[in-house]
C-alpha atoms as a PDB file:
ATOM      1  CA  UNK A   1     -29.833 -24.576  36.524  1.00  0.00           C
ATOM      2  CA  UNK A   2     -26.772 -25.527  34.477  1.00  0.00           C
ATOM      3  CA  UNK A   3     -23.414 -23.956  35.344  1.00  0.00           C
ATOM      4  CA  UNK A   4     -22.490 -20.893  33.241  1.00  0.00           C
ATOM      5  CA  UNK A   5     -20.474 -21.730  30.175  1.00  0.00           C
ATOM      6  CA  UNK A   6     -17.568 -19.760  28.875  1.00  0.00           C
ATOM      7  CA  UNK A   7     -19.174 -17.383  26.341  1.00  0.00           C
ATOM      8  CA  UNK A   8     -15.884 -16.200  24.887  1.00  0.00           C
ATOM      9  CA  UNK A   9     -15.441 -17.524  21.393  1.00  0.00           C
ATOM     10  CA  UNK A  10     -12.310 -19.441  20.696  1.00  0.00           C
ATOM     11  CA  UNK A  11     -10.189 -17.526  18.201  1.00  0.00           C
ATOM     12  CA  UNK A  12      -8.399 -19.452  15.539  1.00  0.00           C
ATOM     13  CA  UNK A  13      -4.658 -19.117  15.724  1.00  0.00           C
ATOM     14  CA  UNK A  14      -2.459 -18.680  12.690  1.00  0.00           C
ATOM     15  CA  UNK A  15      -1.407 -21.994  11.223  1.00  0.00           C
ATOM     16  CA  UNK A  16       1.942 -23.298  12.299  1.00  0.00           C
ATOM     17  CA  UNK A  17       4.671 -22.654   9.773  1.00  0.00           C
ATOM     18  CA  UNK A  18       7.961 -24.445   9.408  1.00  0.00           C
ATOM     19  CA  UNK A  19      11.232 -22.627   9.800  1.00  0.00           C
ATOM     20  CA  UNK A  20      11.835 -22.646   6.036  1.00  0.00           C
ATOM     21  CA  UNK A  21       8.367 -21.206   5.375  1.00  0.00           C
ATOM     22  CA  UNK A  22       8.987 -18.410   7.880  1.00  0.00           C
ATOM     23  CA  UNK A  23      12.415 -17.656   6.399  1.00  0.00           C
ATOM     24  CA  UNK A  24      10.949 -17.596   2.859  1.00  0.00           C
ATOM     25  CA  UNK A  25       8.262 -15.151   3.984  1.00  0.00           C
ATOM     26  CA  UNK A  26      10.866 -12.988   5.701  1.00  0.00           C
ATOM     27  CA  UNK A  27      13.051 -12.957   2.576  1.00  0.00           C
ATOM     28  CA  UNK A  28      10.065 -12.002   0.386  1.00  0.00           C
ATOM     29  CA  UNK A  29       9.103  -9.204   2.785  1.00  0.00           C
ATOM     30  CA  UNK A  30      12.665  -7.869   2.852  1.00  0.00           C
ATOM     31  CA  UNK A  31      12.813  -7.979  -0.947  1.00  0.00           C
ATOM     32  CA  UNK A  32       9.553  -6.017  -1.220  1.00  0.00           C
ATOM     33  CA  UNK A  33      10.767  -3.400   1.276  1.00  0.00           C
ATOM     34  CA  UNK A  34      14.070  -3.007  -0.584  1.00  0.00           C
ATOM     35  CA  UNK A  35      12.377  -2.650  -3.972  1.00  0.00           C
ATOM     36  CA  UNK A  36       9.868  -0.116  -2.590  1.00  0.00           C
ATOM     37  CA  UNK A  37      12.665   1.940  -1.045  1.00  0.00           C
ATOM     38  CA  UNK A  38      14.505   2.014  -4.386  1.00  0.00           C
ATOM     39  CA  UNK A  39      11.285   2.963  -6.178  1.00  0.00           C
ATOM     40  CA  UNK A  40      10.667   5.835  -3.755  1.00  0.00           C
ATOM     41  CA  UNK A  41      14.220   7.114  -4.342  1.00  0.00           C
ATOM     42  CA  UNK A  42      13.623   6.915  -8.105  1.00  0.00           C
ATOM     43  CA  UNK A  43      10.356   8.836  -7.722  1.00  0.00           C
ATOM     44  CA  UNK A  44      12.071  11.493  -5.625  1.00  0.00           C
ATOM     45  CA  UNK A  45      14.891  11.823  -8.185  1.00  0.00           C
ATOM     46  CA  UNK A  46      12.489  11.980 -11.138  1.00  0.00           C
ATOM     47  CA  UNK A  47      13.751   8.762 -12.745  1.00  0.00           C
ATOM     48  CA  UNK A  48      10.288   7.208 -12.464  1.00  0.00           C
ATOM     49  CA  UNK A  49       6.791   8.551 -13.098  1.00  0.00           C
ATOM     50  CA  UNK A  50       3.996   8.222 -10.547  1.00  0.00           C
ATOM     51  CA  UNK A  51       1.506   8.138 -13.442  1.00  0.00           C
ATOM     52  CA  UNK A  52       2.897   4.939 -14.933  1.00  0.00           C
ATOM     53  CA  UNK A  53       3.109   3.357 -11.477  1.00  0.00           C
ATOM     54  CA  UNK A  54      -0.542   4.112 -10.798  1.00  0.00           C
ATOM     55  CA  UNK A  55      -1.773   2.957 -14.203  1.00  0.00           C
ATOM     56  CA  UNK A  56       0.369  -0.185 -14.401  1.00  0.00           C
ATOM     57  CA  UNK A  57       1.724  -0.971 -10.922  1.00  0.00           C
ATOM     58  CA  UNK A  58       4.362  -3.670 -10.429  1.00  0.00           C
ATOM     59  CA  UNK A  59       3.336  -6.466  -8.097  1.00  0.00           C
ATOM     60  CA  UNK A  60       5.568  -5.375  -5.217  1.00  0.00           C
ATOM     61  CA  UNK A  61       3.738  -2.054  -4.735  1.00  0.00           C
ATOM     62  CA  UNK A  62       0.189  -3.395  -4.877  1.00  0.00           C
ATOM     63  CA  UNK A  63       0.069  -3.526  -1.077  1.00  0.00           C
ATOM     64  CA  UNK A  64       1.780  -0.146  -0.601  1.00  0.00           C
ATOM     65  CA  UNK A  65      -0.324   2.780   0.603  1.00  0.00           C
ATOM     66  CA  UNK A  66      -1.161   5.378  -2.049  1.00  0.00           C
ATOM     67  CA  UNK A  67      -0.420   8.064   0.553  1.00  0.00           C
ATOM     68  CA  UNK A  68       3.160   6.803   1.065  1.00  0.00           C
ATOM     69  CA  UNK A  69       3.872   6.588  -2.674  1.00  0.00           C
ATOM     70  CA  UNK A  70       2.575  10.116  -3.288  1.00  0.00           C
ATOM     71  CA  UNK A  71       4.755  11.445  -0.469  1.00  0.00           C
ATOM     72  CA  UNK A  72       7.797  10.275  -2.438  1.00  0.00           C
ATOM     73  CA  UNK A  73       6.834  12.492  -5.394  1.00  0.00           C
ATOM     74  CA  UNK A  74       8.754  15.794  -5.485  1.00  0.00           C
ATOM     75  CA  UNK A  75       6.757  18.850  -4.322  1.00  0.00           C
ATOM     76  CA  UNK A  76       4.142  16.685  -2.601  1.00  0.00           C
ATOM     77  CA  UNK A  77       3.999  16.883   1.170  1.00  0.00           C
ATOM     78  CA  UNK A  78       1.420  15.641   3.647  1.00  0.00           C
ATOM     79  CA  UNK A  79      -0.954  18.564   3.144  1.00  0.00           C
ATOM     80  CA  UNK A  80      -0.976  18.381  -0.651  1.00  0.00           C
ATOM     81  CA  UNK A  81      -1.261  14.582  -0.676  1.00  0.00           C
ATOM     82  CA  UNK A  82      -4.209  14.712   1.741  1.00  0.00           C
ATOM     83  CA  UNK A  83      -5.880  17.370  -0.417  1.00  0.00           C
ATOM     84  CA  UNK A  84      -5.436  15.280  -3.587  1.00  0.00           C
ATOM     85  CA  UNK A  85      -6.740  12.123  -1.918  1.00  0.00           C
ATOM     86  CA  UNK A  86      -9.749  14.005  -0.534  1.00  0.00           C
ATOM     87  CA  UNK A  87     -10.562  15.445  -3.972  1.00  0.00           C
ATOM     88  CA  UNK A  88     -10.427  11.948  -5.474  1.00  0.00           C
ATOM     89  CA  UNK A  89     -12.450  10.475  -2.578  1.00  0.00           C
ATOM     90  CA  UNK A  90      -9.651   8.071  -1.665  1.00  0.00           C
ATOM     91  CA  UNK A  91      -8.931   7.005   1.904  1.00  0.00           C
ATOM     92  CA  UNK A  92      -5.346   7.681   3.082  1.00  0.00           C
ATOM     93  CA  UNK A  93      -5.108   4.014   4.078  1.00  0.00           C
ATOM     94  CA  UNK A  94      -6.041   2.750   0.583  1.00  0.00           C
ATOM     95  CA  UNK A  95      -3.454   0.551  -1.110  1.00  0.00           C
ATOM     96  CA  UNK A  96      -2.408   0.913  -4.738  1.00  0.00           C
ATOM     97  CA  UNK A  97      -3.821  -2.513  -5.525  1.00  0.00           C
ATOM     98  CA  UNK A  98      -7.110  -1.563  -3.849  1.00  0.00           C
ATOM     99  CA  UNK A  99      -7.788   1.454  -6.067  1.00  0.00           C
ATOM    100  CA  UNK A 100     -10.797   1.217  -8.350  1.00  0.00           C
ATOM    101  CA  UNK A 101     -10.450   2.212 -12.017  1.00  0.00           C
ATOM    102  CA  UNK A 102     -12.322   5.451 -11.297  1.00  0.00           C
ATOM    103  CA  UNK A 103     -10.030   6.316  -8.399  1.00  0.00           C
ATOM    104  CA  UNK A 104      -6.924   5.385 -10.367  1.00  0.00           C
ATOM    105  CA  UNK A 105      -7.889   7.459 -13.427  1.00  0.00           C
ATOM    106  CA  UNK A 106      -9.057  10.430 -11.365  1.00  0.00           C
ATOM    107  CA  UNK A 107      -5.827  10.414  -9.372  1.00  0.00           C
ATOM    108  CA  UNK A 108      -3.679  10.311 -12.512  1.00  0.00           C
ATOM    109  CA  UNK A 109      -5.756  13.096 -14.099  1.00  0.00           C
ATOM    110  CA  UNK A 110      -5.411  15.272 -10.997  1.00  0.00           C
ATOM    111  CA  UNK A 111      -1.650  14.675 -10.755  1.00  0.00           C
ATOM    112  CA  UNK A 112      -1.156  15.698 -14.409  1.00  0.00           C
ATOM    113  CA  UNK A 113      -2.191  19.287 -13.583  1.00  0.00           C
END
C-alpha cells in the first residue's frame, strides 16, 4: 500500500510585485478613498445628486458599495437604506459597478419619490 499523500491542494500565492508597483497601487487606493470621501461630503451637503451618480457613475465609485453611498444621502439612515435596497431586490454588499440596468433604474425611480 502506498504511503498517504498530502491531499491539501496547493494554493497559488499572489504574484510578487516590485516596490514601485506596490507604491503605485497604494497611491491609487489612497486617491480613490480621498475622492470617495469628498463625494460623500458633497452628497451630504446637497452639492451632488445620487441620481446622476447611479445613472452615470465615475470610475472611482464603481467598486463602492451602494449601501455606503446611500448612507451619505441626507435623510437616509441604515433602516431606510435597507428598506430601499430590499424593495429593489439589491444585496447590501452590491457595488455600484455591479448593479444591473434594472436595479439601477429601479433604485433611481424609488429615490425620486
